[in-house]
Amino acid sequence: MFYYFGQHIFIYYLTIDYLLFGVYNKLKGQKYEKFVIYNNMR
């Protein structure tokens, strides 16, 4: 019972971590794209 509960929390935190990381990567990707466009314009 406790092991299952712990596993459930682990998966829950993993999902939150994945979502946060995904959002962070999207923002970072947008910044990187803007940086590349800015460099190409110069």
N, C-alpha and C. Protein backbone atom coordinates (compact mmCIF):
# COMPACT_ATOMS: atom_id res chain seq x y z
N MET A 1 0.83 -1.20 0.00
CA MET A 1 0.00 0.00 0.00
C MET A 1 0.88 1.26 0.00
N PHE A 2 1.81 1.33 0.93
CA PHE A 2 2.68 2.51 1.03
C PHE A 2 3.57 2.62 -0.21
N TYR A 3 4.06 1.48 -0.70
CA TYR A 3 4.91 1.48 -1.89
C TYR A 3 4.15 2.02 -3.09
N TYR A 4 2.89 1.58 -3.23
CA TYR A 4 2.06 2.05 -4.34
C TYR A 4 1.83 3.56 -4.22
N PHE A 5 1.56 4.01 -2.98
CA PHE A 5 1.33 5.43 -2.71
C PHE A 5 2.57 6.25 -3.08
N GLY A 6 3.75 5.73 -2.69
CA GLY A 6 5.00 6.41 -3.02
C GLY A 6 5.23 6.47 -4.52
N GLN A 7 4.93 5.36 -5.19
CA GLN A 7 5.08 5.29 -6.64
C GLN A 7 4.15 6.32 -7.30
N HIS A 8 2.95 6.44 -6.77
CA HIS A 8 1.96 7.36 -7.32
C HIS A 8 2.47 8.80 -7.20
N ILE A 9 3.02 9.14 -6.04
CA ILE A 9 3.58 10.48 -5.83
C ILE A 9 4.76 10.71 -6.78
N PHE A 10 5.59 9.69 -6.96
CA PHE A 10 6.75 9.80 -7.85
C PHE A 10 6.29 10.10 -9.27
N ILE A 11 5.27 9.38 -9.74
CA ILE A 11 4.75 9.60 -11.09
C ILE A 11 4.15 11.00 -11.20
N TYR A 12 3.45 11.43 -10.13
CA TYR A 12 2.82 12.75 -10.08
C TYR A 12 3.88 13.84 -10.20
N TYR A 13 4.95 13.72 -9.43
CA TYR A 13 6.03 14.70 -9.49
C TYR A 13 6.75 14.66 -10.83
N LEU A 14 6.91 13.47 -11.38
CA LEU A 14 7.55 13.30 -12.67
C LEU A 14 6.75 14.02 -13.75
N THR A 15 5.41 13.89 -13.66
CA THR A 15 4.53 14.55 -14.64
C THR A 15 4.65 16.06 -14.53
N ILE A 16 4.63 16.58 -13.30
CA ILE A 16 4.76 18.03 -13.08
C ILE A 16 6.11 18.51 -13.60
N ASP A 17 7.17 17.76 -13.30
CA ASP A 17 8.51 18.10 -13.76
C ASP A 17 8.56 18.12 -15.28
N TYR A 18 7.93 17.13 -15.92
CA TYR A 18 7.91 17.04 -17.37
C TYR A 18 7.18 18.23 -17.98
N LEU A 19 6.04 18.59 -17.37
CA LEU A 19 5.26 19.73 -17.88
C LEU A 19 6.04 21.03 -17.74
N LEU A 20 6.66 21.23 -16.57
CA LEU A 20 7.45 22.44 -16.34
C LEU A 20 8.62 22.50 -17.31
N PHE A 21 9.29 21.36 -17.49
CA PHE A 21 10.43 21.29 -18.40
C PHE A 21 9.99 21.57 -19.83
N GLY A 22 8.80 21.06 -20.20
CA GLY A 22 8.27 21.28 -21.54
C GLY A 22 7.99 22.76 -21.78
N VAL A 23 7.40 23.41 -20.79
CA VAL A 23 7.11 24.85 -20.90
C VAL A 23 8.41 25.63 -20.99
N TYR A 24 9.38 25.26 -20.15
CA TYR A 24 10.69 25.93 -20.15
C TYR A 24 11.37 25.77 -21.51
N ASN A 25 11.30 24.56 -22.08
CA ASN A 25 11.93 24.32 -23.38
C ASN A 25 11.25 25.12 -24.48
N LYS A 26 9.91 25.26 -24.39
CA LYS A 26 9.18 26.05 -25.38
C LYS A 26 9.63 27.50 -25.33
N LEU A 27 9.71 28.05 -24.11
CA LEU A 27 10.15 29.44 -23.94
C LEU A 27 11.58 29.61 -24.43
N LYS A 28 12.44 28.66 -24.05
CA LYS A 28 13.84 28.71 -24.47
C LYS A 28 13.94 28.61 -25.98
N GLY A 29 13.11 27.75 -26.58
CA GLY A 29 13.10 27.58 -28.03
C GLY A 29 12.69 28.86 -28.74
N GLN A 30 11.67 29.53 -28.21
CA GLN A 30 11.22 30.78 -28.79
C GLN A 30 12.31 31.83 -28.72
N LYS A 31 12.97 31.92 -27.56
CA LYS A 31 14.06 32.88 -27.40
C LYS A 31 15.18 32.58 -28.39
N TYR A 32 15.50 31.29 -28.54
CA TYR A 32 16.57 30.88 -29.43
C TYR A 32 16.23 31.23 -30.87
N GLU A 33 14.96 30.99 -31.26
CA GLU A 33 14.53 31.32 -32.62
C GLU A 33 14.64 32.81 -32.87
N LYS A 34 14.21 33.62 -31.90
CA LYS A 34 14.30 35.08 -32.04
C LYS A 34 15.76 35.51 -32.16
N PHE A 35 16.63 34.87 -31.38
CA PHE A 35 18.05 35.18 -31.41
C PHE A 35 18.64 34.87 -32.78
N VAL A 36 18.25 33.73 -33.35
CA VAL A 36 18.74 33.34 -34.67
C VAL A 36 18.24 34.32 -35.73
N ILE A 37 16.96 34.69 -35.65
CA ILE A 37 16.39 35.65 -36.62
C ILE A 37 17.11 36.99 -36.50
N TYR A 38 17.37 37.43 -35.27
CA TYR A 38 18.06 38.70 -35.01
C TYR A 38 19.46 38.66 -35.61
N ASN A 39 20.16 37.54 -35.45
CA ASN A 39 21.51 37.42 -35.99
C ASN A 39 21.49 37.40 -37.51
N ASN A 40 20.47 36.79 -38.10
CA ASN A 40 20.38 36.74 -39.56
C ASN A 40 20.06 38.10 -40.14
N MET A 41 19.31 38.92 -39.41
CA MET A 41 18.94 40.25 -39.88
C MET A 41 20.14 41.19 -39.88
N ARG A 42 21.06 40.99 -38.94
CA ARG A 42 22.20 41.90 -38.80
C ARG A 42 23.13 41.84 -39.99
